[in-house]
């Protein structure tokens, strides 16, 4: 249910309390479940969901980055760009970490 909620709402301005209401749980219980099943916090998982869509759109469409930003729920291109850069840096760190472990 958690993944489905994010899949259906990543493009909206959602908050933890929205998911909590959807699951009929407290915010704390919801946060624990998200962490348990995704390994991420609410904000991290929302960012991950959005950036997965961003990468797919960048590869499969001719949409501009500004259009993609609006499509995935960012009102500000600047805010989108900061989040995208942060996400890319985290992905690069994970890739480097995985390479050094092997």
N, C-alpha and C. Protein backbone atom coordinates (compact mmCIF):
# COMPACT_ATOMS: atom_id res chain seq x y z
N UNK A 1 0.82 -1.20 0.00
CA UNK A 1 0.00 0.00 0.00
C UNK A 1 0.86 1.26 0.00
N UNK A 2 2.00 1.18 0.69
CA UNK A 2 2.88 2.35 0.78
C UNK A 2 3.44 2.69 -0.60
N UNK A 3 3.98 1.69 -1.28
CA UNK A 3 4.56 1.92 -2.61
C UNK A 3 3.49 2.39 -3.59
N UNK A 4 2.31 1.82 -3.49
CA UNK A 4 1.22 2.23 -4.37
C UNK A 4 0.83 3.69 -4.13
N UNK A 5 0.78 4.09 -2.85
CA UNK A 5 0.45 5.47 -2.52
C UNK A 5 1.46 6.42 -3.16
N UNK A 6 2.75 6.09 -3.03
CA UNK A 6 3.78 6.95 -3.62
C UNK A 6 3.69 6.95 -5.14
N UNK A 7 3.43 5.80 -5.73
CA UNK A 7 3.33 5.71 -7.19
C UNK A 7 2.19 6.56 -7.73
N UNK A 8 1.11 6.63 -6.99
CA UNK A 8 -0.05 7.38 -7.44
C UNK A 8 0.00 8.87 -7.10
N UNK A 9 0.87 9.23 -6.14
CA UNK A 9 0.85 10.61 -5.64
C UNK A 9 2.18 11.34 -5.68
N UNK A 10 3.22 10.77 -6.31
CA UNK A 10 4.54 11.40 -6.31
C UNK A 10 4.52 12.80 -6.93
N UNK A 11 3.56 13.06 -7.80
CA UNK A 11 3.49 14.34 -8.49
C UNK A 11 2.70 15.40 -7.74
N UNK A 12 2.23 15.04 -6.56
CA UNK A 12 1.46 15.98 -5.75
C UNK A 12 2.27 16.46 -4.55
N UNK A 13 1.80 17.49 -3.92
CA UNK A 13 2.46 18.01 -2.73
C UNK A 13 1.98 17.20 -1.52
N UNK A 14 2.51 15.99 -1.38
CA UNK A 14 2.05 15.11 -0.30
C UNK A 14 2.97 15.22 0.90
N UNK A 15 2.39 14.90 2.04
CA UNK A 15 3.14 14.91 3.30
C UNK A 15 2.89 13.60 4.02
N UNK A 16 3.69 13.37 5.02
CA UNK A 16 3.58 12.15 5.81
C UNK A 16 2.16 11.99 6.36
N UNK A 17 1.56 13.07 6.81
CA UNK A 17 0.21 12.97 7.39
C UNK A 17 -0.83 12.50 6.37
N UNK A 18 -0.59 12.79 5.09
CA UNK A 18 -1.52 12.31 4.04
C UNK A 18 -1.48 10.80 3.95
N UNK A 19 -0.28 10.24 3.97
CA UNK A 19 -0.14 8.79 3.94
C UNK A 19 -0.66 8.18 5.23
N UNK A 20 -0.40 8.82 6.35
CA UNK A 20 -0.89 8.32 7.65
C UNK A 20 -2.40 8.20 7.65
N UNK A 21 -3.07 9.23 7.14
CA UNK A 21 -4.54 9.20 7.06
C UNK A 21 -5.00 8.08 6.14
N UNK A 22 -4.30 7.92 5.03
CA UNK A 22 -4.65 6.87 4.06
C UNK A 22 -4.54 5.48 4.70
N UNK A 23 -3.52 5.29 5.54
CA UNK A 23 -3.30 4.00 6.20
C UNK A 23 -4.04 3.87 7.53
N UNK A 24 -4.66 4.96 7.99
CA UNK A 24 -5.33 5.01 9.30
C UNK A 24 -4.35 4.68 10.43
N UNK A 25 -3.18 5.30 10.37
CA UNK A 25 -2.14 5.12 11.38
C UNK A 25 -1.64 6.48 11.83
N UNK A 26 -0.89 6.49 12.91
CA UNK A 26 -0.26 7.73 13.35
C UNK A 26 0.93 8.02 12.44
N UNK A 27 1.39 9.25 12.48
CA UNK A 27 2.56 9.62 11.68
C UNK A 27 3.77 8.78 12.07
N UNK A 28 3.97 8.55 13.36
CA UNK A 28 5.12 7.78 13.82
C UNK A 28 5.05 6.33 13.33
N UNK A 29 3.88 5.72 13.42
CA UNK A 29 3.72 4.35 12.94
C UNK A 29 3.97 4.27 11.42
N UNK A 30 3.47 5.27 10.72
CA UNK A 30 3.63 5.31 9.27
C UNK A 30 5.11 5.45 8.91
N UNK A 31 5.81 6.35 9.60
CA UNK A 31 7.24 6.55 9.33
C UNK A 31 8.02 5.26 9.58
N UNK A 32 7.68 4.55 10.66
CA UNK A 32 8.36 3.28 10.95
C UNK A 32 8.12 2.25 9.85
N UNK A 33 6.88 2.17 9.37
CA UNK A 33 6.56 1.23 8.29
C UNK A 33 7.30 1.57 7.00
N UNK A 34 7.34 2.85 6.67
CA UNK A 34 8.06 3.27 5.46
C UNK A 34 9.52 2.86 5.57
N UNK A 35 10.12 3.15 6.71
CA UNK A 35 11.54 2.81 6.91
C UNK A 35 11.75 1.30 6.84
N UNK A 36 10.83 0.54 7.43
CA UNK A 36 10.95 -0.92 7.45
C UNK A 36 10.87 -1.51 6.04
N UNK A 37 9.94 -1.04 5.24
CA UNK A 37 9.70 -1.64 3.93
C UNK A 37 10.51 -1.03 2.79
N UNK A 38 11.01 0.19 2.98
CA UNK A 38 11.76 0.82 1.89
C UNK A 38 13.21 1.09 2.28
N UNK A 39 13.49 1.13 3.58
CA UNK A 39 14.83 1.48 4.03
C UNK A 39 15.09 2.99 3.98
N UNK A 40 14.04 3.77 3.72
CA UNK A 40 14.18 5.22 3.58
C UNK A 40 13.12 5.92 4.43
N UNK A 41 13.35 7.20 4.66
CA UNK A 41 12.34 8.02 5.31
C UNK A 41 11.28 8.41 4.27
N UNK A 42 10.22 9.03 4.73
CA UNK A 42 9.17 9.49 3.83
C UNK A 42 9.75 10.40 2.74
N UNK A 43 10.50 11.41 3.16
CA UNK A 43 11.08 12.37 2.21
C UNK A 43 12.06 11.72 1.25
N UNK A 44 12.88 10.82 1.75
CA UNK A 44 13.85 10.13 0.90
C UNK A 44 13.13 9.27 -0.14
N UNK A 45 12.09 8.57 0.29
CA UNK A 45 11.39 7.69 -0.64
C UNK A 45 10.61 8.50 -1.68
N UNK A 46 10.03 9.62 -1.26
CA UNK A 46 9.33 10.49 -2.21
C UNK A 46 10.32 11.01 -3.25
N UNK A 47 11.49 11.45 -2.80
CA UNK A 47 12.53 11.91 -3.72
C UNK A 47 12.94 10.79 -4.67
N UNK A 48 13.15 9.61 -4.13
CA UNK A 48 13.54 8.46 -4.96
C UNK A 48 12.48 8.16 -6.01
N UNK A 49 11.23 8.18 -5.61
CA UNK A 49 10.13 7.90 -6.53
C UNK A 49 10.10 8.94 -7.65
N UNK A 50 10.21 10.21 -7.27
CA UNK A 50 10.18 11.27 -8.27
C UNK A 50 11.37 11.18 -9.23
N UNK A 51 12.56 10.95 -8.69
CA UNK A 51 13.75 10.93 -9.52
C UNK A 51 13.79 9.70 -10.43
N UNK A 52 13.17 8.62 -10.03
CA UNK A 52 13.06 7.46 -10.91
C UNK A 52 12.23 7.83 -12.12
N UNK A 53 11.14 8.55 -11.90
CA UNK A 53 10.30 9.01 -13.01
C UNK A 53 11.07 10.01 -13.86
N UNK A 54 11.80 10.91 -13.22
CA UNK A 54 12.60 11.91 -13.94
C UNK A 54 13.58 11.23 -14.89
N UNK A 55 14.32 10.26 -14.38
CA UNK A 55 15.29 9.57 -15.22
C UNK A 55 14.62 8.88 -16.40
N UNK A 56 13.48 8.26 -16.15
CA UNK A 56 12.74 7.59 -17.22
C UNK A 56 12.29 8.61 -18.28
N UNK A 57 11.76 9.73 -17.84
CA UNK A 57 11.29 10.76 -18.78
C UNK A 57 12.45 11.36 -19.57
N UNK A 58 13.59 11.55 -18.93
CA UNK A 58 14.75 12.10 -19.62
C UNK A 58 15.22 11.15 -20.73
N UNK A 59 15.08 9.87 -20.50
CA UNK A 59 15.53 8.87 -21.48
C UNK A 59 14.51 8.60 -22.58
N UNK A 60 13.24 8.81 -22.29
CA UNK A 60 12.21 8.36 -23.23
C UNK A 60 11.37 9.47 -23.86
N UNK A 61 11.57 10.72 -23.43
CA UNK A 61 10.76 11.80 -24.00
C UNK A 61 11.66 12.95 -24.44
N UNK A 62 11.05 13.89 -25.10
CA UNK A 62 11.78 15.11 -25.48
C UNK A 62 11.36 16.29 -24.60
N UNK A 63 10.78 15.99 -23.45
CA UNK A 63 10.36 17.04 -22.53
C UNK A 63 11.58 17.80 -22.03
N UNK A 64 11.41 19.10 -21.81
CA UNK A 64 12.49 19.88 -21.22
C UNK A 64 12.57 19.56 -19.73
N UNK A 65 13.67 19.92 -19.09
CA UNK A 65 13.80 19.68 -17.65
C UNK A 65 12.75 20.46 -16.87
N UNK A 66 12.41 21.65 -17.33
CA UNK A 66 11.36 22.44 -16.66
C UNK A 66 10.02 21.72 -16.74
N UNK A 67 9.71 21.13 -17.88
CA UNK A 67 8.46 20.38 -18.03
C UNK A 67 8.47 19.14 -17.14
N UNK A 68 9.60 18.46 -17.12
CA UNK A 68 9.72 17.27 -16.28
C UNK A 68 9.56 17.65 -14.81
N UNK A 69 10.17 18.75 -14.41
CA UNK A 69 10.07 19.22 -13.02
C UNK A 69 8.61 19.41 -12.62
N UNK A 70 7.85 20.07 -13.47
CA UNK A 70 6.43 20.28 -13.19
C UNK A 70 5.68 18.95 -13.17
N UNK A 71 6.01 18.07 -14.09
CA UNK A 71 5.34 16.78 -14.20
C UNK A 71 5.48 15.94 -12.93
N UNK A 72 6.64 16.00 -12.30
CA UNK A 72 6.86 15.19 -11.11
C UNK A 72 6.52 15.93 -9.81
N UNK A 73 5.96 17.13 -9.92
CA UNK A 73 5.43 17.78 -8.74
C UNK A 73 6.21 18.94 -8.17
N UNK A 74 7.22 19.41 -8.88
CA UNK A 74 7.98 20.56 -8.39
C UNK A 74 7.39 21.84 -8.96
N UNK A 75 7.11 22.80 -8.09
CA UNK A 75 6.61 24.09 -8.53
C UNK A 75 7.75 25.00 -8.95
N UNK A 76 8.91 24.73 -8.43
CA UNK A 76 10.08 25.55 -8.69
C UNK A 76 11.14 24.73 -9.42
N UNK A 77 11.62 25.24 -10.54
CA UNK A 77 12.68 24.56 -11.26
C UNK A 77 13.94 24.52 -10.41
N UNK A 78 14.19 25.60 -9.69
CA UNK A 78 15.36 25.67 -8.82
C UNK A 78 15.32 24.58 -7.75
N UNK A 79 14.16 24.39 -7.15
CA UNK A 79 13.99 23.34 -6.15
C UNK A 79 14.18 21.97 -6.75
N UNK A 80 13.66 21.79 -7.95
CA UNK A 80 13.84 20.52 -8.66
C UNK A 80 15.32 20.27 -8.93
N UNK A 81 16.02 21.28 -9.41
CA UNK A 81 17.42 21.10 -9.79
C UNK A 81 18.28 20.74 -8.57
N UNK A 82 18.01 21.38 -7.44
CA UNK A 82 18.74 21.05 -6.21
C UNK A 82 18.48 19.60 -5.80
N UNK A 83 17.24 19.19 -5.87
CA UNK A 83 16.88 17.81 -5.49
C UNK A 83 17.51 16.82 -6.47
N UNK A 84 17.50 17.15 -7.74
CA UNK A 84 18.06 16.26 -8.76
C UNK A 84 19.57 16.09 -8.55
N UNK A 85 20.26 17.20 -8.31
CA UNK A 85 21.71 17.12 -8.07
C UNK A 85 22.02 16.29 -6.83
N UNK A 86 21.25 16.49 -5.77
CA UNK A 86 21.45 15.73 -4.54
C UNK A 86 21.23 14.24 -4.79
N UNK A 87 20.19 13.93 -5.52
CA UNK A 87 19.88 12.54 -5.84
C UNK A 87 21.01 11.91 -6.65
N UNK A 88 21.48 12.62 -7.66
CA UNK A 88 22.57 12.10 -8.49
C UNK A 88 23.84 11.87 -7.67
N UNK A 89 24.13 12.78 -6.75
CA UNK A 89 25.31 12.62 -5.89
C UNK A 89 25.17 11.38 -5.01
N UNK A 90 23.99 11.17 -4.45
CA UNK A 90 23.75 10.00 -3.61
C UNK A 90 23.88 8.71 -4.42
N UNK A 91 23.37 8.72 -5.63
CA UNK A 91 23.46 7.54 -6.48
C UNK A 91 24.92 7.23 -6.82
N UNK A 92 25.70 8.27 -7.09
CA UNK A 92 27.12 8.07 -7.40
C UNK A 92 27.86 7.52 -6.19
N UNK A 93 27.53 8.00 -5.00
CA UNK A 93 28.15 7.48 -3.78
C UNK A 93 27.83 6.00 -3.60
N UNK A 94 26.58 5.65 -3.83
CA UNK A 94 26.17 4.25 -3.70
C UNK A 94 26.89 3.37 -4.71
N UNK A 95 27.04 3.87 -5.93
CA UNK A 95 27.74 3.10 -6.96
C UNK A 95 29.20 2.90 -6.59
N UNK A 96 29.85 3.95 -6.10
CA UNK A 96 31.25 3.86 -5.69
C UNK A 96 31.39 2.89 -4.52
N UNK A 97 30.48 2.97 -3.59
CA UNK A 97 30.51 2.08 -2.43
C UNK A 97 30.35 0.63 -2.85
N UNK A 98 29.45 0.39 -3.78
CA UNK A 98 29.22 -0.98 -4.27
C UNK A 98 30.44 -1.49 -5.03
N UNK A 99 31.12 -0.62 -5.76
CA UNK A 99 32.30 -1.02 -6.52
C UNK A 99 33.46 -1.36 -5.58
N UNK A 100 33.60 -0.61 -4.50
CA UNK A 100 34.72 -0.85 -3.58
C UNK A 100 34.48 -2.08 -2.72
N UNK A 101 33.24 -2.49 -2.57
CA UNK A 101 32.94 -3.68 -1.80
C UNK A 101 33.26 -4.96 -2.55
N UNK A 102 33.31 -4.88 -3.87
CA UNK A 102 33.60 -6.08 -4.66
C UNK A 102 35.05 -6.23 -4.99
